[in-house]
């Protein structure tokens, strides 16, 4: 249908805080 769909999703956990993303590489 021309739609982007997620095929696989896996996250890693961390207690480190991060700064907002300024630009996507």
PDBML (XML) file of the C-alpha atoms, coordinates in Angstrom:
<?xml version="1.0" encoding="UTF-8" ?>
<PDBx:datablock datablockName="MODEL"
   xmlns:PDBx="http://pdbml.pdb.org/schema/pdbx-v50.xsd"
   xmlns:xsi="http://www.w3.org/2001/XMLSchema-instance"
   xsi:schemaLocation="http://pdbml.pdb.org/schema/pdbx-v50.xsd pdbx-v50.xsd">
   <PDBx:atom_siteCategory>
      <PDBx:atom_site id="1">
         <PDBx:B_iso_or_equiv>0.00</PDBx:B_iso_or_equiv>
         <PDBx:Cartn_x>0.000</PDBx:Cartn_x>
         <PDBx:Cartn_y>0.000</PDBx:Cartn_y>
         <PDBx:Cartn_z>0.000</PDBx:Cartn_z>
         <PDBx:auth_asym_id>A</PDBx:auth_asym_id>
         <PDBx:auth_atom_id>CA</PDBx:auth_atom_id>
         <PDBx:auth_comp_id>UNK</PDBx:auth_comp_id>
         <PDBx:auth_seq_id>1</PDBx:auth_seq_id>
         <PDBx:group_PDB>ATOM</PDBx:group_PDB>
         <PDBx:label_alt_id xsi:nil="true" />
         <PDBx:label_asym_id>A</PDBx:label_asym_id>
         <PDBx:label_atom_id>CA</PDBx:label_atom_id>
         <PDBx:label_comp_id>UNK</PDBx:label_comp_id>
         <PDBx:label_entity_id>1</PDBx:label_entity_id>
         <PDBx:label_seq_id>1</PDBx:label_seq_id>
         <PDBx:occupancy>1.00</PDBx:occupancy>
         <PDBx:pdbx_PDB_model_num>1</PDBx:pdbx_PDB_model_num>
         <PDBx:type_symbol>C</PDBx:type_symbol>
      </PDBx:atom_site>
      <PDBx:atom_site id="2">
         <PDBx:B_iso_or_equiv>0.00</PDBx:B_iso_or_equiv>
         <PDBx:Cartn_x>3.076</PDBx:Cartn_x>
         <PDBx:Cartn_y>2.239</PDBx:Cartn_y>
         <PDBx:Cartn_z>-0.048</PDBx:Cartn_z>
         <PDBx:auth_asym_id>A</PDBx:auth_asym_id>
         <PDBx:auth_atom_id>CA</PDBx:auth_atom_id>
         <PDBx:auth_comp_id>UNK</PDBx:auth_comp_id>
         <PDBx:auth_seq_id>2</PDBx:auth_seq_id>
         <PDBx:group_PDB>ATOM</PDBx:group_PDB>
         <PDBx:label_alt_id xsi:nil="true" />
         <PDBx:label_asym_id>A</PDBx:label_asym_id>
         <PDBx:label_atom_id>CA</PDBx:label_atom_id>
         <PDBx:label_comp_id>UNK</PDBx:label_comp_id>
         <PDBx:label_entity_id>1</PDBx:label_entity_id>
         <PDBx:label_seq_id>2</PDBx:label_seq_id>
         <PDBx:occupancy>1.00</PDBx:occupancy>
         <PDBx:pdbx_PDB_model_num>1</PDBx:pdbx_PDB_model_num>
         <PDBx:type_symbol>C</PDBx:type_symbol>
      </PDBx:atom_site>
      <PDBx:atom_site id="3">
         <PDBx:B_iso_or_equiv>0.00</PDBx:B_iso_or_equiv>
         <PDBx:Cartn_x>3.212</PDBx:Cartn_x>
         <PDBx:Cartn_y>2.563</PDBx:Cartn_y>
         <PDBx:Cartn_z>3.748</PDBx:Cartn_z>
         <PDBx:auth_asym_id>A</PDBx:auth_asym_id>
         <PDBx:auth_atom_id>CA</PDBx:auth_atom_id>
         <PDBx:auth_comp_id>UNK</PDBx:auth_comp_id>
         <PDBx:auth_seq_id>3</PDBx:auth_seq_id>
         <PDBx:group_PDB>ATOM</PDBx:group_PDB>
         <PDBx:label_alt_id xsi:nil="true" />
         <PDBx:label_asym_id>A</PDBx:label_asym_id>
         <PDBx:label_atom_id>CA</PDBx:label_atom_id>
         <PDBx:label_comp_id>UNK</PDBx:label_comp_id>
         <PDBx:label_entity_id>1</PDBx:label_entity_id>
         <PDBx:label_seq_id>3</PDBx:label_seq_id>
         <PDBx:occupancy>1.00</PDBx:occupancy>
         <PDBx:pdbx_PDB_model_num>1</PDBx:pdbx_PDB_model_num>
         <PDBx:type_symbol>C</PDBx:type_symbol>
      </PDBx:atom_site>
      <PDBx:atom_site id="4">
         <PDBx:B_iso_or_equiv>0.00</PDBx:B_iso_or_equiv>
         <PDBx:Cartn_x>6.332</PDBx:Cartn_x>
         <PDBx:Cartn_y>2.231</PDBx:Cartn_y>
         <PDBx:Cartn_z>5.857</PDBx:Cartn_z>
         <PDBx:auth_asym_id>A</PDBx:auth_asym_id>
         <PDBx:auth_atom_id>CA</PDBx:auth_atom_id>
         <PDBx:auth_comp_id>UNK</PDBx:auth_comp_id>
         <PDBx:auth_seq_id>4</PDBx:auth_seq_id>
         <PDBx:group_PDB>ATOM</PDBx:group_PDB>
         <PDBx:label_alt_id xsi:nil="true" />
         <PDBx:label_asym_id>A</PDBx:label_asym_id>
         <PDBx:label_atom_id>CA</PDBx:label_atom_id>
         <PDBx:label_comp_id>UNK</PDBx:label_comp_id>
         <PDBx:label_entity_id>1</PDBx:label_entity_id>
         <PDBx:label_seq_id>4</PDBx:label_seq_id>
         <PDBx:occupancy>1.00</PDBx:occupancy>
         <PDBx:pdbx_PDB_model_num>1</PDBx:pdbx_PDB_model_num>
         <PDBx:type_symbol>C</PDBx:type_symbol>
      </PDBx:atom_site>
      <PDBx:atom_site id="5">
         <PDBx:B_iso_or_equiv>0.00</PDBx:B_iso_or_equiv>
         <PDBx:Cartn_x>5.874</PDBx:Cartn_x>
         <PDBx:Cartn_y>-0.584</PDBx:Cartn_y>
         <PDBx:Cartn_z>8.383</PDBx:Cartn_z>
         <PDBx:auth_asym_id>A</PDBx:auth_asym_id>
         <PDBx:auth_atom_id>CA</PDBx:auth_atom_id>
         <PDBx:auth_comp_id>UNK</PDBx:auth_comp_id>
         <PDBx:auth_seq_id>5</PDBx:auth_seq_id>
         <PDBx:group_PDB>ATOM</PDBx:group_PDB>
         <PDBx:label_alt_id xsi:nil="true" />
         <PDBx:label_asym_id>A</PDBx:label_asym_id>
         <PDBx:label_atom_id>CA</PDBx:label_atom_id>
         <PDBx:label_comp_id>UNK</PDBx:label_comp_id>
         <PDBx:label_entity_id>1</PDBx:label_entity_id>
         <PDBx:label_seq_id>5</PDBx:label_seq_id>
         <PDBx:occupancy>1.00</PDBx:occupancy>
         <PDBx:pdbx_PDB_model_num>1</PDBx:pdbx_PDB_model_num>
         <PDBx:type_symbol>C</PDBx:type_symbol>
      </PDBx:atom_site>
      <PDBx:atom_site id="6">
         <PDBx:B_iso_or_equiv>0.00</PDBx:B_iso_or_equiv>
         <PDBx:Cartn_x>8.176</PDBx:Cartn_x>
         <PDBx:Cartn_y>-1.776</PDBx:Cartn_y>
         <PDBx:Cartn_z>11.160</PDBx:Cartn_z>
         <PDBx:auth_asym_id>A</PDBx:auth_asym_id>
         <PDBx:auth_atom_id>CA</PDBx:auth_atom_id>
         <PDBx:auth_comp_id>UNK</PDBx:auth_comp_id>
         <PDBx:auth_seq_id>6</PDBx:auth_seq_id>
         <PDBx:group_PDB>ATOM</PDBx:group_PDB>
         <PDBx:label_alt_id xsi:nil="true" />
         <PDBx:label_asym_id>A</PDBx:label_asym_id>
         <PDBx:label_atom_id>CA</PDBx:label_atom_id>
         <PDBx:label_comp_id>UNK</PDBx:label_comp_id>
         <PDBx:label_entity_id>1</PDBx:label_entity_id>
         <PDBx:label_seq_id>6</PDBx:label_seq_id>
         <PDBx:occupancy>1.00</PDBx:occupancy>
         <PDBx:pdbx_PDB_model_num>1</PDBx:pdbx_PDB_model_num>
         <PDBx:type_symbol>C</PDBx:type_symbol>
      </PDBx:atom_site>
      <PDBx:atom_site id="7">
         <PDBx:B_iso_or_equiv>0.00</PDBx:B_iso_or_equiv>
         <PDBx:Cartn_x>9.526</PDBx:Cartn_x>
         <PDBx:Cartn_y>-5.283</PDBx:Cartn_y>
         <PDBx:Cartn_z>10.535</PDBx:Cartn_z>
         <PDBx:auth_asym_id>A</PDBx:auth_asym_id>
         <PDBx:auth_atom_id>CA</PDBx:auth_atom_id>
         <PDBx:auth_comp_id>UNK</PDBx:auth_comp_id>
         <PDBx:auth_seq_id>7</PDBx:auth_seq_id>
         <PDBx:group_PDB>ATOM</PDBx:group_PDB>
         <PDBx:label_alt_id xsi:nil="true" />
         <PDBx:label_asym_id>A</PDBx:label_asym_id>
         <PDBx:label_atom_id>CA</PDBx:label_atom_id>
         <PDBx:label_comp_id>UNK</PDBx:label_comp_id>
         <PDBx:label_entity_id>1</PDBx:label_entity_id>
         <PDBx:label_seq_id>7</PDBx:label_seq_id>
         <PDBx:occupancy>1.00</PDBx:occupancy>
         <PDBx:pdbx_PDB_model_num>1</PDBx:pdbx_PDB_model_num>
         <PDBx:type_symbol>C</PDBx:type_symbol>
      </PDBx:atom_site>
      <PDBx:atom_site id="8">
         <PDBx:B_iso_or_equiv>0.00</PDBx:B_iso_or_equiv>
         <PDBx:Cartn_x>11.652</PDBx:Cartn_x>
         <PDBx:Cartn_y>-5.763</PDBx:Cartn_y>
         <PDBx:Cartn_z>13.652</PDBx:Cartn_z>
         <PDBx:auth_asym_id>A</PDBx:auth_asym_id>
         <PDBx:auth_atom_id>CA</PDBx:auth_atom_id>
         <PDBx:auth_comp_id>UNK</PDBx:auth_comp_id>
         <PDBx:auth_seq_id>8</PDBx:auth_seq_id>
         <PDBx:group_PDB>ATOM</PDBx:group_PDB>
         <PDBx:label_alt_id xsi:nil="true" />
         <PDBx:label_asym_id>A</PDBx:label_asym_id>
         <PDBx:label_atom_id>CA</PDBx:label_atom_id>
         <PDBx:label_comp_id>UNK</PDBx:label_comp_id>
         <PDBx:label_entity_id>1</PDBx:label_entity_id>
         <PDBx:label_seq_id>8</PDBx:label_seq_id>
         <PDBx:occupancy>1.00</PDBx:occupancy>
         <PDBx:pdbx_PDB_model_num>1</PDBx:pdbx_PDB_model_num>
         <PDBx:type_symbol>C</PDBx:type_symbol>
      </PDBx:atom_site>
      <PDBx:atom_site id="9">
         <PDBx:B_iso_or_equiv>0.00</PDBx:B_iso_or_equiv>
         <PDBx:Cartn_x>12.096</PDBx:Cartn_x>
         <PDBx:Cartn_y>-3.781</PDBx:Cartn_y>
         <PDBx:Cartn_z>16.851</PDBx:Cartn_z>
         <PDBx:auth_asym_id>A</PDBx:auth_asym_id>
         <PDBx:auth_atom_id>CA</PDBx:auth_atom_id>
         <PDBx:auth_comp_id>UNK</PDBx:auth_comp_id>
         <PDBx:auth_seq_id>9</PDBx:auth_seq_id>
         <PDBx:group_PDB>ATOM</PDBx:group_PDB>
         <PDBx:label_alt_id xsi:nil="true" />
         <PDBx:label_asym_id>A</PDBx:label_asym_id>
         <PDBx:label_atom_id>CA</PDBx:label_atom_id>
         <PDBx:label_comp_id>UNK</PDBx:label_comp_id>
         <PDBx:label_entity_id>1</PDBx:label_entity_id>
         <PDBx:label_seq_id>9</PDBx:label_seq_id>
         <PDBx:occupancy>1.00</PDBx:occupancy>
         <PDBx:pdbx_PDB_model_num>1</PDBx:pdbx_PDB_model_num>
         <PDBx:type_symbol>C</PDBx:type_symbol>
      </PDBx:atom_site>
      <PDBx:atom_site id="10">
         <PDBx:B_iso_or_equiv>0.00</PDBx:B_iso_or_equiv>
         <PDBx:Cartn_x>14.668</PDBx:Cartn_x>
         <PDBx:Cartn_y>-4.396</PDBx:Cartn_y>
         <PDBx:Cartn_z>19.587</PDBx:Cartn_z>
         <PDBx:auth_asym_id>A</PDBx:auth_asym_id>
         <PDBx:auth_atom_id>CA</PDBx:auth_atom_id>
         <PDBx:auth_comp_id>UNK</PDBx:auth_comp_id>
         <PDBx:auth_seq_id>10</PDBx:auth_seq_id>
         <PDBx:group_PDB>ATOM</PDBx:group_PDB>
         <PDBx:label_alt_id xsi:nil="true" />
         <PDBx:label_asym_id>A</PDBx:label_asym_id>
         <PDBx:label_atom_id>CA</PDBx:label_atom_id>
         <PDBx:label_comp_id>UNK</PDBx:label_comp_id>
         <PDBx:label_entity_id>1</PDBx:label_entity_id>
         <PDBx:label_seq_id>10</PDBx:label_seq_id>
         <PDBx:occupancy>1.00</PDBx:occupancy>
         <PDBx:pdbx_PDB_model_num>1</PDBx:pdbx_PDB_model_num>
         <PDBx:type_symbol>C</PDBx:type_symbol>
      </PDBx:atom_site>
      <PDBx:atom_site id="11">
         <PDBx:B_iso_or_equiv>0.00</PDBx:B_iso_or_equiv>
         <PDBx:Cartn_x>15.808</PDBx:Cartn_x>
         <PDBx:Cartn_y>-1.961</PDBx:Cartn_y>
         <PDBx:Cartn_z>22.283</PDBx:Cartn_z>
         <PDBx:auth_asym_id>A</PDBx:auth_asym_id>
         <PDBx:auth_atom_id>CA</PDBx:auth_atom_id>
         <PDBx:auth_comp_id>UNK</PDBx:auth_comp_id>
         <PDBx:auth_seq_id>11</PDBx:auth_seq_id>
         <PDBx:group_PDB>ATOM</PDBx:group_PDB>
         <PDBx:label_alt_id xsi:nil="true" />
         <PDBx:label_asym_id>A</PDBx:label_asym_id>
         <PDBx:label_atom_id>CA</PDBx:label_atom_id>
         <PDBx:label_comp_id>UNK</PDBx:label_comp_id>
         <PDBx:label_entity_id>1</PDBx:label_entity_id>
         <PDBx:label_seq_id>11</PDBx:label_seq_id>
         <PDBx:occupancy>1.00</PDBx:occupancy>
         <PDBx:pdbx_PDB_model_num>1</PDBx:pdbx_PDB_model_num>
         <PDBx:type_symbol>C</PDBx:type_symbol>
      </PDBx:atom_site>
      <PDBx:atom_site id="12">
         <PDBx:B_iso_or_equiv>0.00</PDBx:B_iso_or_equiv>
         <PDBx:Cartn_x>18.766</PDBx:Cartn_x>
         <PDBx:Cartn_y>-1.873</PDBx:Cartn_y>
         <PDBx:Cartn_z>24.641</PDBx:Cartn_z>
         <PDBx:auth_asym_id>A</PDBx:auth_asym_id>
         <PDBx:auth_atom_id>CA</PDBx:auth_atom_id>
         <PDBx:auth_comp_id>UNK</PDBx:auth_comp_id>
         <PDBx:auth_seq_id>12</PDBx:auth_seq_id>
         <PDBx:group_PDB>ATOM</PDBx:group_PDB>
         <PDBx:label_alt_id xsi:nil="true" />
         <PDBx:label_asym_id>A</PDBx:label_asym_id>
         <PDBx:label_atom_id>CA</PDBx:label_atom_id>
         <PDBx:label_comp_id>UNK</PDBx:label_comp_id>
         <PDBx:label_entity_id>1</PDBx:label_entity_id>
         <PDBx:label_seq_id>12</PDBx:label_seq_id>
         <PDBx:occupancy>1.00</PDBx:occupancy>
         <PDBx:pdbx_PDB_model_num>1</PDBx:pdbx_PDB_model_num>
         <PDBx:type_symbol>C</PDBx:type_symbol>
      </PDBx:atom_site>
      <PDBx:atom_site id="13">
         <PDBx:B_iso_or_equiv>0.00</PDBx:B_iso_or_equiv>
         <PDBx:Cartn_x>18.394</PDBx:Cartn_x>
         <PDBx:Cartn_y>-0.342</PDBx:Cartn_y>
         <PDBx:Cartn_z>28.113</PDBx:Cartn_z>
         <PDBx:auth_asym_id>A</PDBx:auth_asym_id>
         <PDBx:auth_atom_id>CA</PDBx:auth_atom_id>
         <PDBx:auth_comp_id>UNK</PDBx:auth_comp_id>
         <PDBx:auth_seq_id>13</PDBx:auth_seq_id>
         <PDBx:group_PDB>ATOM</PDBx:group_PDB>
         <PDBx:label_alt_id xsi:nil="true" />
         <PDBx:label_asym_id>A</PDBx:label_asym_id>
         <PDBx:label_atom_id>CA</PDBx:label_atom_id>
         <PDBx:label_comp_id>UNK</PDBx:label_comp_id>
         <PDBx:label_entity_id>1</PDBx:label_entity_id>
         <PDBx:label_seq_id>13</PDBx:label_seq_id>
         <PDBx:occupancy>1.00</PDBx:occupancy>
         <PDBx:pdbx_PDB_model_num>1</PDBx:pdbx_PDB_model_num>
         <PDBx:type_symbol>C</PDBx:type_symbol>
      </PDBx:atom_site>
      <PDBx:atom_site id="14">
         <PDBx:B_iso_or_equiv>0.00</PDBx:B_iso_or_equiv>
         <PDBx:Cartn_x>20.672</PDBx:Cartn_x>
         <PDBx:Cartn_y>2.186</PDBx:Cartn_y>
         <PDBx:Cartn_z>29.805</PDBx:Cartn_z>
         <PDBx:auth_asym_id>A</PDBx:auth_asym_id>
         <PDBx:auth_atom_id>CA</PDBx:auth_atom_id>
         <PDBx:auth_comp_id>UNK</PDBx:auth_comp_id>
         <PDBx:auth_seq_id>14</PDBx:auth_seq_id>
         <PDBx:group_PDB>ATOM</PDBx:group_PDB>
         <PDBx:label_alt_id xsi:nil="true" />
         <PDBx:label_asym_id>A</PDBx:label_asym_id>
         <PDBx:label_atom_id>CA</PDBx:label_atom_id>
         <PDBx:label_comp_id>UNK</PDBx:label_comp_id>
         <PDBx:label_entity_id>1</PDBx:label_entity_id>
         <PDBx:label_seq_id>14</PDBx:label_seq_id>
         <PDBx:occupancy>1.00</PDBx:occupancy>
         <PDBx:pdbx_PDB_model_num>1</PDBx:pdbx_PDB_model_num>
         <PDBx:type_symbol>C</PDBx:type_symbol>
      </PDBx:atom_site>
      <PDBx:atom_site id="15">
         <PDBx:B_iso_or_equiv>0.00</PDBx:B_iso_or_equiv>
         <PDBx:Cartn_x>20.612</PDBx:Cartn_x>
         <PDBx:Cartn_y>4.616</PDBx:Cartn_y>
         <PDBx:Cartn_z>32.742</PDBx:Cartn_z>
         <PDBx:auth_asym_id>A</PDBx:auth_asym_id>
         <PDBx:auth_atom_id>CA</PDBx:auth_atom_id>
         <PDBx:auth_comp_id>UNK</PDBx:auth_comp_id>
         <PDBx:auth_seq_id>15</PDBx:auth_seq_id>
         <PDBx:group_PDB>ATOM</PDBx:group_PDB>
         <PDBx:label_alt_id xsi:nil="true" />
         <PDBx:label_asym_id>A</PDBx:label_asym_id>
         <PDBx:label_atom_id>CA</PDBx:label_atom_id>
         <PDBx:label_comp_id>UNK</PDBx:label_comp_id>
         <PDBx:label_entity_id>1</PDBx:label_entity_id>
         <PDBx:label_seq_id>15</PDBx:label_seq_id>
         <PDBx:occupancy>1.00</PDBx:occupancy>
         <PDBx:pdbx_PDB_model_num>1</PDBx:pdbx_PDB_model_num>
         <PDBx:type_symbol>C</PDBx:type_symbol>
      </PDBx:atom_site>
      <PDBx:atom_site id="16">
         <PDBx:B_iso_or_equiv>0.00</PDBx:B_iso_or_equiv>
         <PDBx:Cartn_x>22.617</PDBx:Cartn_x>
         <PDBx:Cartn_y>7.209</PDBx:Cartn_y>
         <PDBx:Cartn_z>30.821</PDBx:Cartn_z>
         <PDBx:auth_asym_id>A</PDBx:auth_asym_id>
         <PDBx:auth_atom_id>CA</PDBx:auth_atom_id>
         <PDBx:auth_comp_id>UNK</PDBx:auth_comp_id>
         <PDBx:auth_seq_id>16</PDBx:auth_seq_id>
         <PDBx:group_PDB>ATOM</PDBx:group_PDB>
         <PDBx:label_alt_id xsi:nil="true" />
         <PDBx:label_asym_id>A</PDBx:label_asym_id>
         <PDBx:label_atom_id>CA</PDBx:label_atom_id>
         <PDBx:label_comp_id>UNK</PDBx:label_comp_id>
         <PDBx:label_entity_id>1</PDBx:label_entity_id>
         <PDBx:label_seq_id>16</PDBx:label_seq_id>
         <PDBx:occupancy>1.00</PDBx:occupancy>
         <PDBx:pdbx_PDB_model_num>1</PDBx:pdbx_PDB_model_num>
         <PDBx:type_symbol>C</PDBx:type_symbol>
      </PDBx:atom_site>
      <PDBx:atom_site id="17">
         <PDBx:B_iso_or_equiv>0.00</PDBx:B_iso_or_equiv>
         <PDBx:Cartn_x>20.753</PDBx:Cartn_x>
         <PDBx:Cartn_y>10.413</PDBx:Cartn_y>
         <PDBx:Cartn_z>29.995</PDBx:Cartn_z>
         <PDBx:auth_asym_id>A</PDBx:auth_asym_id>
         <PDBx:auth_atom_id>CA</PDBx:auth_atom_id>
         <PDBx:auth_comp_id>UNK</PDBx:auth_comp_id>
         <PDBx:auth_seq_id>17</PDBx:auth_seq_id>
         <PDBx:group_PDB>ATOM</PDBx:group_PDB>
         <PDBx:label_alt_id xsi:nil="true" />
         <PDBx:label_asym_id>A</PDBx:label_asym_id>
         <PDBx:label_atom_id>CA</PDBx:label_atom_id>
         <PDBx:label_comp_id>UNK</PDBx:label_comp_id>
         <PDBx:label_entity_id>1</PDBx:label_entity_id>
         <PDBx:label_seq_id>17</PDBx:label_seq_id>
         <PDBx:occupancy>1.00</PDBx:occupancy>
         <PDBx:pdbx_PDB_model_num>1</PDBx:pdbx_PDB_model_num>
         <PDBx:type_symbol>C</PDBx:type_symbol>
      </PDBx:atom_site>
      <PDBx:atom_site id="18">
         <PDBx:B_iso_or_equiv>0.00</PDBx:B_iso_or_equiv>
         <PDBx:Cartn_x>21.127</PDBx:Cartn_x>
         <PDBx:Cartn_y>11.714</PDBx:Cartn_y>
         <PDBx:Cartn_z>26.455</PDBx:Cartn_z>
         <PDBx:auth_asym_id>A</PDBx:auth_asym_id>
         <PDBx:auth_atom_id>CA</PDBx:auth_atom_id>
         <PDBx:auth_comp_id>UNK</PDBx:auth_comp_id>
         <PDBx:auth_seq_id>18</PDBx:auth_seq_id>
         <PDBx:group_PDB>ATOM</PDBx:group_PDB>
         <PDBx:label_alt_id xsi:nil="true" />
         <PDBx:label_asym_id>A</PDBx:label_asym_id>
         <PDBx:label_atom_id>CA</PDBx:label_atom_id>
         <PDBx:label_comp_id>UNK</PDBx:label_comp_id>
         <PDBx:label_entity_id>1</PDBx:label_entity_id>
         <PDBx:label_seq_id>18</PDBx:label_seq_id>
         <PDBx:occupancy>1.00</PDBx:occupancy>
         <PDBx:pdbx_PDB_model_num>1</PDBx:pdbx_PDB_model_num>
         <PDBx:type_symbol>C</PDBx:type_symbol>
      </PDBx:atom_site>
      <PDBx:atom_site id="19">
         <PDBx:B_iso_or_equiv>0.00</PDBx:B_iso_or_equiv>
         <PDBx:Cartn_x>20.926</PDBx:Cartn_x>
         <PDBx:Cartn_y>15.120</PDBx:Cartn_y>
         <PDBx:Cartn_z>24.806</PDBx:Cartn_z>
         <PDBx:auth_asym_id>A</PDBx:auth_asym_id>
         <PDBx:auth_atom_id>CA</PDBx:auth_atom_id>
         <PDBx:auth_comp_id>UNK</PDBx:auth_comp_id>
         <PDBx:auth_seq_id>19</PDBx:auth_seq_id>
         <PDBx:group_PDB>ATOM</PDBx:group_PDB>
         <PDBx:label_alt_id xsi:nil="true" />
         <PDBx:label_asym_id>A</PDBx:label_asym_id>
         <PDBx:label_atom_id>CA</PDBx:label_atom_id>
         <PDBx:label_comp_id>UNK</PDBx:label_comp_id>
         <PDBx:label_entity_id>1</PDBx:label_entity_id>
         <PDBx:label_seq_id>19</PDBx:label_seq_id>
         <PDBx:occupancy>1.00</PDBx:occupancy>
         <PDBx:pdbx_PDB_model_num>1</PDBx:pdbx_PDB_model_num>
         <PDBx:type_symbol>C</PDBx:type_symbol>
      </PDBx:atom_site>
      <PDBx:atom_site id="20">
         <PDBx:B_iso_or_equiv>0.00</PDBx:B_iso_or_equiv>
         <PDBx:Cartn_x>18.231</PDBx:Cartn_x>
         <PDBx:Cartn_y>15.774</PDBx:Cartn_y>
         <PDBx:Cartn_z>22.165</PDBx:Cartn_z>
         <PDBx:auth_asym_id>A</PDBx:auth_asym_id>
         <PDBx:auth_atom_id>CA</PDBx:auth_atom_id>
         <PDBx:auth_comp_id>UNK</PDBx:auth_comp_id>
         <PDBx:auth_seq_id>20</PDBx:auth_seq_id>
         <PDBx:group_PDB>ATOM</PDBx:group_PDB>
         <PDBx:label_alt_id xsi:nil="true" />
         <PDBx:label_asym_id>A</PDBx:label_asym_id>
         <PDBx:label_atom_id>CA</PDBx:label_atom_id>
         <PDBx:label_comp_id>UNK</PDBx:label_comp_id>
         <PDBx:label_entity_id>1</PDBx:label_entity_id>
         <PDBx:label_seq_id>20</PDBx:label_seq_id>
         <PDBx:occupancy>1.00</PDBx:occupancy>
         <PDBx:pdbx_PDB_model_num>1</PDBx:pdbx_PDB_model_num>
         <PDBx:type_symbol>C</PDBx:type_symbol>
      </PDBx:atom_site>
      <PDBx:atom_site id="21">
         <PDBx:B_iso_or_equiv>0.00</PDBx:B_iso_or_equiv>
         <PDBx:Cartn_x>19.165</PDBx:Cartn_x>
         <PDBx:Cartn_y>14.722</PDBx:Cartn_y>
         <PDBx:Cartn_z>18.641</PDBx:Cartn_z>
         <PDBx:auth_asym_id>A</PDBx:auth_asym_id>
         <PDBx:auth_atom_id>CA</PDBx:auth_atom_id>
         <PDBx:auth_comp_id>UNK</PDBx:auth_comp_id>
         <PDBx:auth_seq_id>21</PDBx:auth_seq_id>
         <PDBx:group_PDB>ATOM</PDBx:group_PDB>
         <PDBx:label_alt_id xsi:nil="true" />
         <PDBx:label_asym_id>A</PDBx:label_asym_id>
         <PDBx:label_atom_id>CA</PDBx:label_atom_id>
         <PDBx:label_comp_id>UNK</PDBx:label_comp_id>
         <PDBx:label_entity_id>1</PDBx:label_entity_id>
         <PDBx:label_seq_id>21</PDBx:label_seq_id>
         <PDBx:occupancy>1.00</PDBx:occupancy>
         <PDBx:pdbx_PDB_model_num>1</PDBx:pdbx_PDB_model_num>
         <PDBx:type_symbol>C</PDBx:type_symbol>
      </PDBx:atom_site>
      <PDBx:atom_site id="22">
         <PDBx:B_iso_or_equiv>0.00</PDBx:B_iso_or_equiv>
         <PDBx:Cartn_x>20.311</PDBx:Cartn_x>
         <PDBx:Cartn_y>17.758</PDBx:Cartn_y>
         <PDBx:Cartn_z>16.649</PDBx:Cartn_z>
         <PDBx:auth_asym_id>A</PDBx:auth_asym_id>
         <PDBx:auth_atom_id>CA</PDBx:auth_atom_id>
         <PDBx:auth_comp_id>UNK</PDBx:auth_comp_id>
         <PDBx:auth_seq_id>22</PDBx:auth_seq_id>
         <PDBx:group_PDB>ATOM</PDBx:group_PDB>
         <PDBx:label_alt_id xsi:nil="true" />
         <PDBx:label_asym_id>A</PDBx:label_asym_id>
         <PDBx:label_atom_id>CA</PDBx:label_atom_id>
         <PDBx:label_comp_id>UNK</PDBx:label_comp_id>
         <PDBx:label_entity_id>1</PDBx:label_entity_id>
         <PDBx:label_seq_id>22</PDBx:label_seq_id>
         <PDBx:occupancy>1.00</PDBx:occupancy>
         <PDBx:pdbx_PDB_model_num>1</PDBx:pdbx_PDB_model_num>
         <PDBx:type_symbol>C</PDBx:type_symbol>
      </PDBx:atom_site>
      <PDBx:atom_site id="23">
         <PDBx:B_iso_or_equiv>0.00</PDBx:B_iso_or_equiv>
         <PDBx:Cartn_x>20.558</PDBx:Cartn_x>
         <PDBx:Cartn_y>16.054</PDBx:Cartn_y>
         <PDBx:Cartn_z>13.261</PDBx:Cartn_z>
         <PDBx:auth_asym_id>A</PDBx:auth_asym_id>
         <PDBx:auth_atom_id>CA</PDBx:auth_atom_id>
         <PDBx:auth_comp_id>UNK</PDBx:auth_comp_id>
         <PDBx:auth_seq_id>23</PDBx:auth_seq_id>
         <PDBx:group_PDB>ATOM</PDBx:group_PDB>
         <PDBx:label_alt_id xsi:nil="true" />
         <PDBx:label_asym_id>A</PDBx:label_asym_id>
         <PDBx:label_atom_id>CA</PDBx:label_atom_id>
         <PDBx:label_comp_id>UNK</PDBx:label_comp_id>
         <PDBx:label_entity_id>1</PDBx:label_entity_id>
         <PDBx:label_seq_id>23</PDBx:label_seq_id>
         <PDBx:occupancy>1.00</PDBx:occupancy>
         <PDBx:pdbx_PDB_model_num>1</PDBx:pdbx_PDB_model_num>
         <PDBx:type_symbol>C</PDBx:type_symbol>
      </PDBx:atom_site>
      <PDBx:atom_site id="24">
         <PDBx:B_iso_or_equiv>0.00</PDBx:B_iso_or_equiv>
         <PDBx:Cartn_x>19.895</PDBx:Cartn_x>
         <PDBx:Cartn_y>12.551</PDBx:Cartn_y>
         <PDBx:Cartn_z>11.994</PDBx:Cartn_z>
         <PDBx:auth_asym_id>A</PDBx:auth_asym_id>
         <PDBx:auth_atom_id>CA</PDBx:auth_atom_id>
         <PDBx:auth_comp_id>UNK</PDBx:auth_comp_id>
         <PDBx:auth_seq_id>24</PDBx:auth_seq_id>
         <PDBx:group_PDB>ATOM</PDBx:group_PDB>
         <PDBx:label_alt_id xsi:nil="true" />
         <PDBx:label_asym_id>A</PDBx:label_asym_id>
         <PDBx:label_atom_id>CA</PDBx:label_atom_id>
         <PDBx:label_comp_id>UNK</PDBx:label_comp_id>
         <PDBx:label_entity_id>1</PDBx:label_entity_id>
         <PDBx:label_seq_id>24</PDBx:label_seq_id>
         <PDBx:occupancy>1.00</PDBx:occupancy>
         <PDBx:pdbx_PDB_model_num>1</PDBx:pdbx_PDB_model_num>
         <PDBx:type_symbol>C</PDBx:type_symbol>
      </PDBx:atom_site>
      <PDBx:atom_site id="25">
         <PDBx:B_iso_or_equiv>0.00</PDBx:B_iso_or_equiv>
         <PDBx:Cartn_x>22.965</PDBx:Cartn_x>
         <PDBx:Cartn_y>10.904</PDBx:Cartn_y>
         <PDBx:Cartn_z>10.503</PDBx:Cartn_z>
         <PDBx:auth_asym_id>A</PDBx:auth_asym_id>
         <PDBx:auth_atom_id>CA</PDBx:auth_atom_id>
         <PDBx:auth_comp_id>UNK</PDBx:auth_comp_id>
         <PDBx:auth_seq_id>25</PDBx:auth_seq_id>
         <PDBx:group_PDB>ATOM</PDBx:group_PDB>
         <PDBx:label_alt_id xsi:nil="true" />
         <PDBx:label_asym_id>A</PDBx:label_asym_id>
         <PDBx:label_atom_id>CA</PDBx:label_atom_id>
         <PDBx:label_comp_id>UNK</PDBx:label_comp_id>
         <PDBx:label_entity_id>1</PDBx:label_entity_id>
         <PDBx:label_seq_id>25</PDBx:label_seq_id>
         <PDBx:occupancy>1.00</PDBx:occupancy>
         <PDBx:pdbx_PDB_model_num>1</PDBx:pdbx_PDB_model_num>
         <PDBx:type_symbol>C</PDBx:type_symbol>
      </PDBx:atom_site>
   </PDBx:atom_siteCategory>
</PDBx:datablock>
